[in-house]
Amino acid sequence: MTSFDINNNGLTELNEHLYRQVHTVGEILENLNAVMASVPTAVDNKATGVWLELQKEWNNAYTEMTQKLNRNTLASIDVHEIFNNGDNRSATIMMS
């Protein structure tokens, strides 16, 4: 008989861990953006264009990462539910 084991709880834990890590990155970027807000004054507006462009890039990268994480998390939750439903259905059939 062939069998396989899916660690459903491990998948949930992984998703939660990824979410926490991305949230931490978001907090770091918020702090960085707050510090960067004072750059134009500190450099007498001479490097503002460079800093603003870099800030825009990392904010866009973070937004894209968050969107991908959300999509992939939802997909993995769907897979988790499909396997759970299959496990439950199989158990019901076996017990019949």
PDB file of N, CA and C in Angstrom:
ATOM      1  N   MET A   1       0.845  -1.180   0.000  1.00  0.00           N
ATOM      2  CA  MET A   1       0.000   0.000   0.000  1.00  0.00           C
ATOM      3  C   MET A   1       0.888   1.240   0.000  1.00  0.00           C
ATOM      4  N   THR A   2       0.568   2.185  -0.826  1.00  0.00           N
ATOM      5  CA  THR A   2       1.305   3.436  -0.911  1.00  0.00           C
ATOM      6  C   THR A   2       0.682   4.445   0.047  1.00  0.00           C
ATOM      7  N   SER A   3       1.541   5.203   0.698  1.00  0.00           N
ATOM      8  CA  SER A   3       1.008   6.248   1.586  1.00  0.00           C
ATOM      9  C   SER A   3       1.929   7.458   1.540  1.00  0.00           C
ATOM     10  N   PHE A   4       1.413   8.555   1.957  1.00  0.00           N
ATOM     11  CA  PHE A   4       2.203   9.769   2.069  1.00  0.00           C
ATOM     12  C   PHE A   4       1.674  10.564   3.250  1.00  0.00           C
ATOM     13  N   ASP A   5       2.525  11.425   3.744  1.00  0.00           N
ATOM     14  CA  ASP A   5       2.148  12.204   4.923  1.00  0.00           C
ATOM     15  C   ASP A   5       2.348  13.682   4.618  1.00  0.00           C
ATOM     16  N   ILE A   6       1.332  14.458   4.843  1.00  0.00           N
ATOM     17  CA  ILE A   6       1.407  15.907   4.671  1.00  0.00           C
ATOM     18  C   ILE A   6       1.349  16.532   6.061  1.00  0.00           C
ATOM     19  N   ASN A   7       2.339  17.323   6.364  1.00  0.00           N
ATOM     20  CA  ASN A   7       2.383  17.996   7.663  1.00  0.00           C
ATOM     21  C   ASN A   7       1.575  19.292   7.565  1.00  0.00           C
ATOM     22  N   ASN A   8       0.256  19.163   7.711  1.00  0.00           N
ATOM     23  CA  ASN A   8      -0.619  20.330   7.575  1.00  0.00           C
ATOM     24  C   ASN A   8      -0.291  21.418   8.581  1.00  0.00           C
ATOM     25  N   ASN A   9      -0.007  21.020   9.819  1.00  0.00           N
ATOM     26  CA  ASN A   9       0.322  22.020  10.829  1.00  0.00           C
ATOM     27  C   ASN A   9       1.632  22.724  10.490  1.00  0.00           C
ATOM     28  N   GLY A  10       2.579  21.994   9.924  1.00  0.00           N
ATOM     29  CA  GLY A  10       3.852  22.589   9.524  1.00  0.00           C
ATOM     30  C   GLY A  10       3.661  23.632   8.446  1.00  0.00           C
ATOM     31  N   LEU A  11       2.737  23.364   7.527  1.00  0.00           N
ATOM     32  CA  LEU A  11       2.448  24.321   6.466  1.00  0.00           C
ATOM     33  C   LEU A  11       1.852  25.600   7.046  1.00  0.00           C
ATOM     34  N   THR A  12       0.961  25.460   7.989  1.00  0.00           N
ATOM     35  CA  THR A  12       0.372  26.626   8.650  1.00  0.00           C
ATOM     36  C   THR A  12       1.446  27.417   9.385  1.00  0.00           C
ATOM     37  N   GLU A  13       2.313  26.711  10.108  1.00  0.00           N
ATOM     38  CA  GLU A  13       3.389  27.380  10.839  1.00  0.00           C
ATOM     39  C   GLU A  13       4.321  28.121   9.886  1.00  0.00           C
ATOM     40  N   LEU A  14       4.623  27.512   8.758  1.00  0.00           N
ATOM     41  CA  LEU A  14       5.492  28.149   7.768  1.00  0.00           C
ATOM     42  C   LEU A  14       4.860  29.436   7.253  1.00  0.00           C
ATOM     43  N   ASN A  15       3.583  29.388   6.921  1.00  0.00           N
ATOM     44  CA  ASN A  15       2.891  30.591   6.444  1.00  0.00           C
ATOM     45  C   ASN A  15       2.909  31.687   7.503  1.00  0.00           C
ATOM     46  N   GLU A  16       2.671  31.310   8.740  1.00  0.00           N
ATOM     47  CA  GLU A  16       2.681  32.304   9.824  1.00  0.00           C
ATOM     48  C   GLU A  16       4.068  32.898  10.005  1.00  0.00           C
ATOM     49  N   HIS A  17       5.099  32.051   9.910  1.00  0.00           N
ATOM     50  CA  HIS A  17       6.486  32.532  10.042  1.00  0.00           C
ATOM     51  C   HIS A  17       6.817  33.512   8.917  1.00  0.00           C
ATOM     52  N   LEU A  18       6.465  33.168   7.677  1.00  0.00           N
ATOM     53  CA  LEU A  18       6.728  34.064   6.554  1.00  0.00           C
ATOM     54  C   LEU A  18       6.001  35.393   6.736  1.00  0.00           C
ATOM     55  N   TYR A  19       4.757  35.325   7.174  1.00  0.00           N
ATOM     56  CA  TYR A  19       3.981  36.553   7.394  1.00  0.00           C
ATOM     57  C   TYR A  19       4.669  37.439   8.427  1.00  0.00           C
ATOM     58  N   ARG A  20       5.119  36.832   9.533  1.00  0.00           N
ATOM     59  CA  ARG A  20       5.790  37.618  10.573  1.00  0.00           C
ATOM     60  C   ARG A  20       7.071  38.260  10.053  1.00  0.00           C
ATOM     61  N   GLN A  21       7.825  37.519   9.258  1.00  0.00           N
ATOM     62  CA  GLN A  21       9.082  38.052   8.734  1.00  0.00           C
ATOM     63  C   GLN A  21       8.830  39.214   7.773  1.00  0.00           C
ATOM     64  N   VAL A  22       7.843  39.069   6.903  1.00  0.00           N
ATOM     65  CA  VAL A  22       7.525  40.153   5.974  1.00  0.00           C
ATOM     66  C   VAL A  22       7.006  41.366   6.745  1.00  0.00           C
ATOM     67  N   HIS A  23       6.233  41.116   7.787  1.00  0.00           N
ATOM     68  CA  HIS A  23       5.749  42.221   8.621  1.00  0.00           C
ATOM     69  C   HIS A  23       6.932  42.951   9.269  1.00  0.00           C
ATOM     70  N   THR A  24       7.925  42.212   9.721  1.00  0.00           N
ATOM     71  CA  THR A  24       9.128  42.808  10.315  1.00  0.00           C
ATOM     72  C   THR A  24       9.853  43.670   9.281  1.00  0.00           C
ATOM     73  N   VAL A  25       9.967  43.172   8.064  1.00  0.00           N
ATOM     74  CA  VAL A  25      10.596  43.965   7.001  1.00  0.00           C
ATOM     75  C   VAL A  25       9.803  45.254   6.790  1.00  0.00           C
ATOM     76  N   GLY A  26       8.491  45.159   6.823  1.00  0.00           N
ATOM     77  CA  GLY A  26       7.649  46.349   6.672  1.00  0.00           C
ATOM     78  C   GLY A  26       7.911  47.376   7.762  1.00  0.00           C
ATOM     79  N   GLU A  27       8.071  46.909   8.990  1.00  0.00           N
ATOM     80  CA  GLU A  27       8.376  47.825  10.091  1.00  0.00           C
ATOM     81  C   GLU A  27       9.736  48.487   9.892  1.00  0.00           C
ATOM     82  N   ILE A  28      10.705  47.709   9.438  1.00  0.00           N
ATOM     83  CA  ILE A  28      12.039  48.264   9.177  1.00  0.00           C
ATOM     84  C   ILE A  28      11.959  49.335   8.086  1.00  0.00           C
ATOM     85  N   LEU A  29      11.210  49.052   7.032  1.00  0.00           N
ATOM     86  CA  LEU A  29      11.067  50.034   5.956  1.00  0.00           C
ATOM     87  C   LEU A  29      10.353  51.291   6.424  1.00  0.00           C
ATOM     88  N   GLU A  30       9.359  51.131   7.284  1.00  0.00           N
ATOM     89  CA  GLU A  30       8.684  52.316   7.836  1.00  0.00           C
ATOM     90  C   GLU A  30       9.678  53.178   8.607  1.00  0.00           C
ATOM     91  N   ASN A  31      10.511  52.540   9.422  1.00  0.00           N
ATOM     92  CA  ASN A  31      11.524  53.280  10.173  1.00  0.00           C
ATOM     93  C   ASN A  31      12.531  53.936   9.230  1.00  0.00           C
ATOM     94  N   LEU A  32      12.948  53.196   8.221  1.00  0.00           N
ATOM     95  CA  LEU A  32      13.893  53.734   7.244  1.00  0.00           C
ATOM     96  C   LEU A  32      13.285  54.922   6.503  1.00  0.00           C
ATOM     97  N   ASN A  33      12.038  54.794   6.106  1.00  0.00           N
ATOM     98  CA  ASN A  33      11.373  55.889   5.410  1.00  0.00           C
ATOM     99  C   ASN A  33      11.264  57.125   6.293  1.00  0.00           C
ATOM    100  N   ALA A  34      11.037  56.921   7.586  1.00  0.00           N
ATOM    101  CA  ALA A  34      10.964  58.058   8.506  1.00  0.00           C
ATOM    102  C   ALA A  34      12.320  58.765   8.585  1.00  0.00           C
ATOM    103  N   VAL A  35      13.396  57.995   8.657  1.00  0.00           N
ATOM    104  CA  VAL A  35      14.736  58.583   8.690  1.00  0.00           C
ATOM    105  C   VAL A  35      15.029  59.271   7.361  1.00  0.00           C
ATOM    106  N   MET A  36      14.664  58.615   6.271  1.00  0.00           N
ATOM    107  CA  MET A  36      14.956  59.159   4.942  1.00  0.00           C
ATOM    108  C   MET A  36      14.176  60.448   4.668  1.00  0.00           C
ATOM    109  N   ALA A  37      13.098  60.657   5.373  1.00  0.00           N
ATOM    110  CA  ALA A  37      12.318  61.884   5.172  1.00  0.00           C
ATOM    111  C   ALA A  37      13.145  63.120   5.497  1.00  0.00           C
ATOM    112  N   SER A  38      14.158  62.947   6.357  1.00  0.00           N
ATOM    113  CA  SER A  38      14.983  64.105   6.726  1.00  0.00           C
ATOM    114  C   SER A  38      16.203  64.277   5.822  1.00  0.00           C
ATOM    115  N   VAL A  39      16.423  63.354   4.889  1.00  0.00           N
ATOM    116  CA  VAL A  39      17.602  63.441   4.018  1.00  0.00           C
ATOM    117  C   VAL A  39      17.635  64.727   3.187  1.00  0.00           C
ATOM    118  N   PRO A  40      16.528  65.129   2.553  1.00  0.00           N
ATOM    119  CA  PRO A  40      16.609  66.354   1.746  1.00  0.00           C
ATOM    120  C   PRO A  40      17.142  67.557   2.532  1.00  0.00           C
ATOM    121  N   THR A  41      16.706  67.697   3.755  1.00  0.00           N
ATOM    122  CA  THR A  41      17.186  68.805   4.578  1.00  0.00           C
ATOM    123  C   THR A  41      18.657  68.619   4.935  1.00  0.00           C
ATOM    124  N   ALA A  42      19.035  67.381   5.263  1.00  0.00           N
ATOM    125  CA  ALA A  42      20.406  67.108   5.695  1.00  0.00           C
ATOM    126  C   ALA A  42      21.416  67.323   4.575  1.00  0.00           C
ATOM    127  N   VAL A  43      21.036  67.060   3.345  1.00  0.00           N
ATOM    128  CA  VAL A  43      21.977  67.217   2.230  1.00  0.00           C
ATOM    129  C   VAL A  43      21.672  68.463   1.405  1.00  0.00           C
ATOM    130  N   ASP A  44      20.895  69.339   1.982  1.00  0.00           N
ATOM    131  CA  ASP A  44      20.559  70.616   1.327  1.00  0.00           C
ATOM    132  C   ASP A  44      19.945  70.384  -0.057  1.00  0.00           C
ATOM    133  N   ASN A  45      19.097  69.356  -0.136  1.00  0.00           N
ATOM    134  CA  ASN A  45      18.357  69.001  -1.353  1.00  0.00           C
ATOM    135  C   ASN A  45      19.236  68.605  -2.536  1.00  0.00           C
ATOM    136  N   LYS A  46      20.526  68.378  -2.320  1.00  0.00           N
ATOM    137  CA  LYS A  46      21.422  68.048  -3.434  1.00  0.00           C
ATOM    138  C   LYS A  46      21.318  66.587  -3.862  1.00  0.00           C
ATOM    139  N   ALA A  47      20.972  65.693  -2.970  1.00  0.00           N
ATOM    140  CA  ALA A  47      20.890  64.267  -3.312  1.00  0.00           C
ATOM    141  C   ALA A  47      19.461  63.741  -3.221  1.00  0.00           C
ATOM    142  N   THR A  48      18.516  64.632  -3.134  1.00  0.00           N
ATOM    143  CA  THR A  48      17.124  64.225  -2.949  1.00  0.00           C
ATOM    144  C   THR A  48      16.647  63.276  -4.043  1.00  0.00           C
ATOM    145  N   GLY A  49      16.962  63.577  -5.289  1.00  0.00           N
ATOM    146  CA  GLY A  49      16.514  62.731  -6.388  1.00  0.00           C
ATOM    147  C   GLY A  49      16.998  61.297  -6.262  1.00  0.00           C
ATOM    148  N   VAL A  50      18.259  61.122  -5.893  1.00  0.00           N
ATOM    149  CA  VAL A  50      18.826  59.787  -5.734  1.00  0.00           C
ATOM    150  C   VAL A  50      18.120  59.037  -4.615  1.00  0.00           C
ATOM    151  N   TRP A  51      17.978  59.678  -3.459  1.00  0.00           N
ATOM    152  CA  TRP A  51      17.356  59.013  -2.318  1.00  0.00           C
ATOM    153  C   TRP A  51      15.889  58.710  -2.572  1.00  0.00           C
ATOM    154  N   LEU A  52      15.203  59.644  -3.205  1.00  0.00           N
ATOM    155  CA  LEU A  52      13.783  59.406  -3.481  1.00  0.00           C
ATOM    156  C   LEU A  52      13.591  58.230  -4.433  1.00  0.00           C
ATOM    157  N   GLU A  53      14.466  58.117  -5.429  1.00  0.00           N
ATOM    158  CA  GLU A  53      14.365  57.008  -6.375  1.00  0.00           C
ATOM    159  C   GLU A  53      14.627  55.669  -5.676  1.00  0.00           C
ATOM    160  N   LEU A  54      15.660  55.628  -4.838  1.00  0.00           N
ATOM    161  CA  LEU A  54      15.949  54.402  -4.089  1.00  0.00           C
ATOM    162  C   LEU A  54      14.811  54.050  -3.139  1.00  0.00           C
ATOM    163  N   GLN A  55      14.278  55.051  -2.476  1.00  0.00           N
ATOM    164  CA  GLN A  55      13.167  54.826  -1.552  1.00  0.00           C
ATOM    165  C   GLN A  55      11.962  54.269  -2.305  1.00  0.00           C
ATOM    166  N   LYS A  56      11.698  54.822  -3.459  1.00  0.00           N
ATOM    167  CA  LYS A  56      10.593  54.338  -4.284  1.00  0.00           C
ATOM    168  C   LYS A  56      10.819  52.882  -4.673  1.00  0.00           C
ATOM    169  N   GLU A  57      12.061  52.539  -5.045  1.00  0.00           N
ATOM    170  CA  GLU A  57      12.375  51.163  -5.436  1.00  0.00           C
ATOM    171  C   GLU A  57      12.159  50.186  -4.292  1.00  0.00           C
ATOM    172  N   TRP A  58      12.666  50.516  -3.072  1.00  0.00           N
ATOM    173  CA  TRP A  58      12.503  49.533  -1.995  1.00  0.00           C
ATOM    174  C   TRP A  58      11.061  49.461  -1.526  1.00  0.00           C
ATOM    175  N   ASN A  59      10.343  50.559  -1.583  1.00  0.00           N
ATOM    176  CA  ASN A  59       8.922  50.497  -1.224  1.00  0.00           C
ATOM    177  C   ASN A  59       8.145  49.655  -2.230  1.00  0.00           C
ATOM    178  N   ASN A  60       8.447  49.813  -3.526  1.00  0.00           N
ATOM    179  CA  ASN A  60       7.782  49.006  -4.553  1.00  0.00           C
ATOM    180  C   ASN A  60       8.133  47.533  -4.405  1.00  0.00           C
ATOM    181  N   ALA A  61       9.397  47.244  -4.110  1.00  0.00           N
ATOM    182  CA  ALA A  61       9.822  45.855  -3.934  1.00  0.00           C
ATOM    183  C   ALA A  61       9.102  45.229  -2.740  1.00  0.00           C
ATOM    184  N   TYR A  62       8.962  45.997  -1.665  1.00  0.00           N
ATOM    185  CA  TYR A  62       8.262  45.481  -0.483  1.00  0.00           C
ATOM    186  C   TYR A  62       6.783  45.230  -0.804  1.00  0.00           C
ATOM    187  N   THR A  63       6.171  46.155  -1.506  1.00  0.00           N
ATOM    188  CA  THR A  63       4.758  45.991  -1.874  1.00  0.00           C
ATOM    189  C   THR A  63       4.570  44.751  -2.734  1.00  0.00           C
ATOM    190  N   GLU A  64       5.456  44.559  -3.692  1.00  0.00           N
ATOM    191  CA  GLU A  64       5.376  43.382  -4.559  1.00  0.00           C
ATOM    192  C   GLU A  64       5.582  42.095  -3.752  1.00  0.00           C
ATOM    193  N   MET A  65       6.549  42.109  -2.838  1.00  0.00           N
ATOM    194  CA  MET A  65       6.810  40.935  -2.009  1.00  0.00           C
ATOM    195  C   MET A  65       5.585  40.612  -1.147  1.00  0.00           C
ATOM    196  N   THR A  66       4.971  41.626  -0.586  1.00  0.00           N
ATOM    197  CA  THR A  66       3.790  41.430   0.256  1.00  0.00           C
ATOM    198  C   THR A  66       2.630  40.860  -0.556  1.00  0.00           C
ATOM    199  N   GLN A  67       2.431  41.388  -1.751  1.00  0.00           N
ATOM    200  CA  GLN A  67       1.346  40.892  -2.597  1.00  0.00           C
ATOM    201  C   GLN A  67       1.575  39.420  -2.980  1.00  0.00           C
ATOM    202  N   LYS A  68       2.809  39.090  -3.335  1.00  0.00           N
ATOM    203  CA  LYS A  68       3.121  37.704  -3.692  1.00  0.00           C
ATOM    204  C   LYS A  68       2.946  36.785  -2.485  1.00  0.00           C
ATOM    205  N   LEU A  69       3.403  37.240  -1.330  1.00  0.00           N
ATOM    206  CA  LEU A  69       3.252  36.423  -0.127  1.00  0.00           C
ATOM    207  C   LEU A  69       1.776  36.177   0.165  1.00  0.00           C
ATOM    208  N   ASN A  70       0.967  37.222   0.059  1.00  0.00           N
ATOM    209  CA  ASN A  70      -0.467  37.060   0.316  1.00  0.00           C
ATOM    210  C   ASN A  70      -1.094  36.073  -0.659  1.00  0.00           C
ATOM    211  N   ARG A  71      -0.754  36.200  -1.954  1.00  0.00           N
ATOM    212  CA  ARG A  71      -1.308  35.267  -2.954  1.00  0.00           C
ATOM    213  C   ARG A  71      -0.865  33.838  -2.669  1.00  0.00           C
ATOM    214  N   ASN A  72       0.425  33.669  -2.400  1.00  0.00           N
ATOM    215  CA  ASN A  72       0.941  32.316  -2.169  1.00  0.00           C
ATOM    216  C   ASN A  72       0.433  31.729  -0.857  1.00  0.00           C
ATOM    217  N   THR A  73       0.258  32.568   0.147  1.00  0.00           N
ATOM    218  CA  THR A  73      -0.296  32.086   1.408  1.00  0.00           C
ATOM    219  C   THR A  73      -1.718  31.589   1.205  1.00  0.00           C
ATOM    220  N   LEU A  74      -2.506  32.358   0.474  1.00  0.00           N
ATOM    221  CA  LEU A  74      -3.886  31.917   0.200  1.00  0.00           C
ATOM    222  C   LEU A  74      -3.893  30.615  -0.591  1.00  0.00           C
ATOM    223  N   ALA A  75      -2.989  30.496  -1.547  1.00  0.00           N
ATOM    224  CA  ALA A  75      -2.914  29.259  -2.331  1.00  0.00           C
ATOM    225  C   ALA A  75      -2.529  28.085  -1.438  1.00  0.00           C
ATOM    226  N   SER A  76      -1.570  28.289  -0.537  1.00  0.00           N
ATOM    227  CA  SER A  76      -1.155  27.176   0.318  1.00  0.00           C
ATOM    228  C   SER A  76      -2.233  26.838   1.345  1.00  0.00           C
ATOM    229  N   ILE A  77      -3.003  27.821   1.772  1.00  0.00           N
ATOM    230  CA  ILE A  77      -4.139  27.544   2.664  1.00  0.00           C
ATOM    231  C   ILE A  77      -5.172  26.693   1.918  1.00  0.00           C
ATOM    232  N   ASP A  78      -5.403  27.024   0.647  1.00  0.00           N
ATOM    233  CA  ASP A  78      -6.327  26.223  -0.164  1.00  0.00           C
ATOM    234  C   ASP A  78      -5.846  24.777  -0.269  1.00  0.00           C
ATOM    235  N   VAL A  79      -4.542  24.598  -0.529  1.00  0.00           N
ATOM    236  CA  VAL A  79      -3.974  23.252  -0.617  1.00  0.00           C
ATOM    237  C   VAL A  79      -4.131  22.534   0.719  1.00  0.00           C
ATOM    238  N   HIS A  80      -3.846  23.239   1.792  1.00  0.00           N
ATOM    239  CA  HIS A  80      -3.991  22.687   3.144  1.00  0.00           C
ATOM    240  C   HIS A  80      -5.417  22.181   3.354  1.00  0.00           C
ATOM    241  N   GLU A  81      -6.399  22.981   2.981  1.00  0.00           N
ATOM    242  CA  GLU A  81      -7.801  22.596   3.153  1.00  0.00           C
ATOM    243  C   GLU A  81      -8.175  21.419   2.259  1.00  0.00           C
ATOM    244  N   ILE A  82      -7.651  21.388   1.039  1.00  0.00           N
ATOM    245  CA  ILE A  82      -7.930  20.265   0.131  1.00  0.00           C
ATOM    246  C   ILE A  82      -7.394  18.962   0.723  1.00  0.00           C
ATOM    247  N   PHE A  83      -6.149  18.997   1.242  1.00  0.00           N
ATOM    248  CA  PHE A  83      -5.591  17.790   1.852  1.00  0.00           C
ATOM    249  C   PHE A  83      -6.368  17.384   3.102  1.00  0.00           C
ATOM    250  N   ASN A  84      -6.745  18.347   3.923  1.00  0.00           N
ATOM    251  CA  ASN A  84      -7.537  18.020   5.111  1.00  0.00           C
ATOM    252  C   ASN A  84      -8.866  17.391   4.723  1.00  0.00           C
ATOM    253  N   ASN A  85      -9.535  17.981   3.743  1.00  0.00           N
ATOM    254  CA  ASN A  85     -10.811  17.423   3.287  1.00  0.00           C
ATOM    255  C   ASN A  85     -10.620  16.021   2.732  1.00  0.00           C
ATOM    256  N   GLY A  86      -9.538  15.811   1.963  1.00  0.00           N
ATOM    257  CA  GLY A  86      -9.243  14.479   1.433  1.00  0.00           C
ATOM    258  C   GLY A  86      -8.975  13.482   2.545  1.00  0.00           C
ATOM    259  N   ASP A  87      -8.193  13.905   3.555  1.00  0.00           N
ATOM    260  CA  ASP A  87      -7.925  13.032   4.701  1.00  0.00           C
ATOM    261  C   ASP A  87      -9.218  12.647   5.408  1.00  0.00           C
ATOM    262  N   ASN A  88     -10.054  13.637   5.642  1.00  0.00           N
ATOM    263  CA  ASN A  88     -11.321  13.385   6.338  1.00  0.00           C
ATOM    264  C   ASN A  88     -12.236  12.481   5.515  1.00  0.00           C
ATOM    265  N   ARG A  89     -12.290  12.742   4.226  1.00  0.00           N
ATOM    266  CA  ARG A  89     -13.141  11.910   3.360  1.00  0.00           C
ATOM    267  C   ARG A  89     -12.610  10.479   3.319  1.00  0.00           C
ATOM    268  N   SER A  90     -11.305  10.321   3.205  1.00  0.00           N
ATOM    269  CA  SER A  90     -10.707   8.985   3.185  1.00  0.00           C
ATOM    270  C   SER A  90     -11.000   8.237   4.493  1.00  0.00           C
ATOM    271  N   ALA A  91     -10.858   8.948   5.595  1.00  0.00           N
ATOM    272  CA  ALA A  91     -11.140   8.327   6.887  1.00  0.00           C
ATOM    273  C   ALA A  91     -12.598   7.882   6.969  1.00  0.00           C
ATOM    274  N   THR A  92     -13.499   8.717   6.472  1.00  0.00           N
ATOM    275  CA  THR A  92     -14.920   8.381   6.483  1.00  0.00           C
ATOM    276  C   THR A  92     -15.189   7.138   5.635  1.00  0.00           C
ATOM    277  N   ILE A  93     -14.558   7.078   4.462  1.00  0.00           N
ATOM    278  CA  ILE A  93     -14.747   5.928   3.570  1.00  0.00           C
ATOM    279  C   ILE A  93     -14.185   4.663   4.208  1.00  0.00           C
ATOM    280  N   MET A  94     -12.999   4.782   4.809  1.00  0.00           N
ATOM    281  CA  MET A  94     -12.367   3.616   5.436  1.00  0.00           C
ATOM    282  C   MET A  94     -13.179   3.086   6.620  1.00  0.00           C
ATOM    283  N   MET A  95     -13.825   3.976   7.327  1.00  0.00           N
ATOM    284  CA  MET A  95     -14.582   3.586   8.509  1.00  0.00           C
ATOM    285  C   MET A  95     -15.962   3.062   8.159  1.00  0.00           C
ATOM    286  N   SER A  96     -16.388   3.264   6.910  1.00  0.00           N
ATOM    287  CA  SER A  96     -17.736   2.820   6.499  1.00  0.00           C
ATOM    288  C   SER A  96     -17.806   1.335   6.344  1.00  0.00           C
TER     289      SER A  96
END
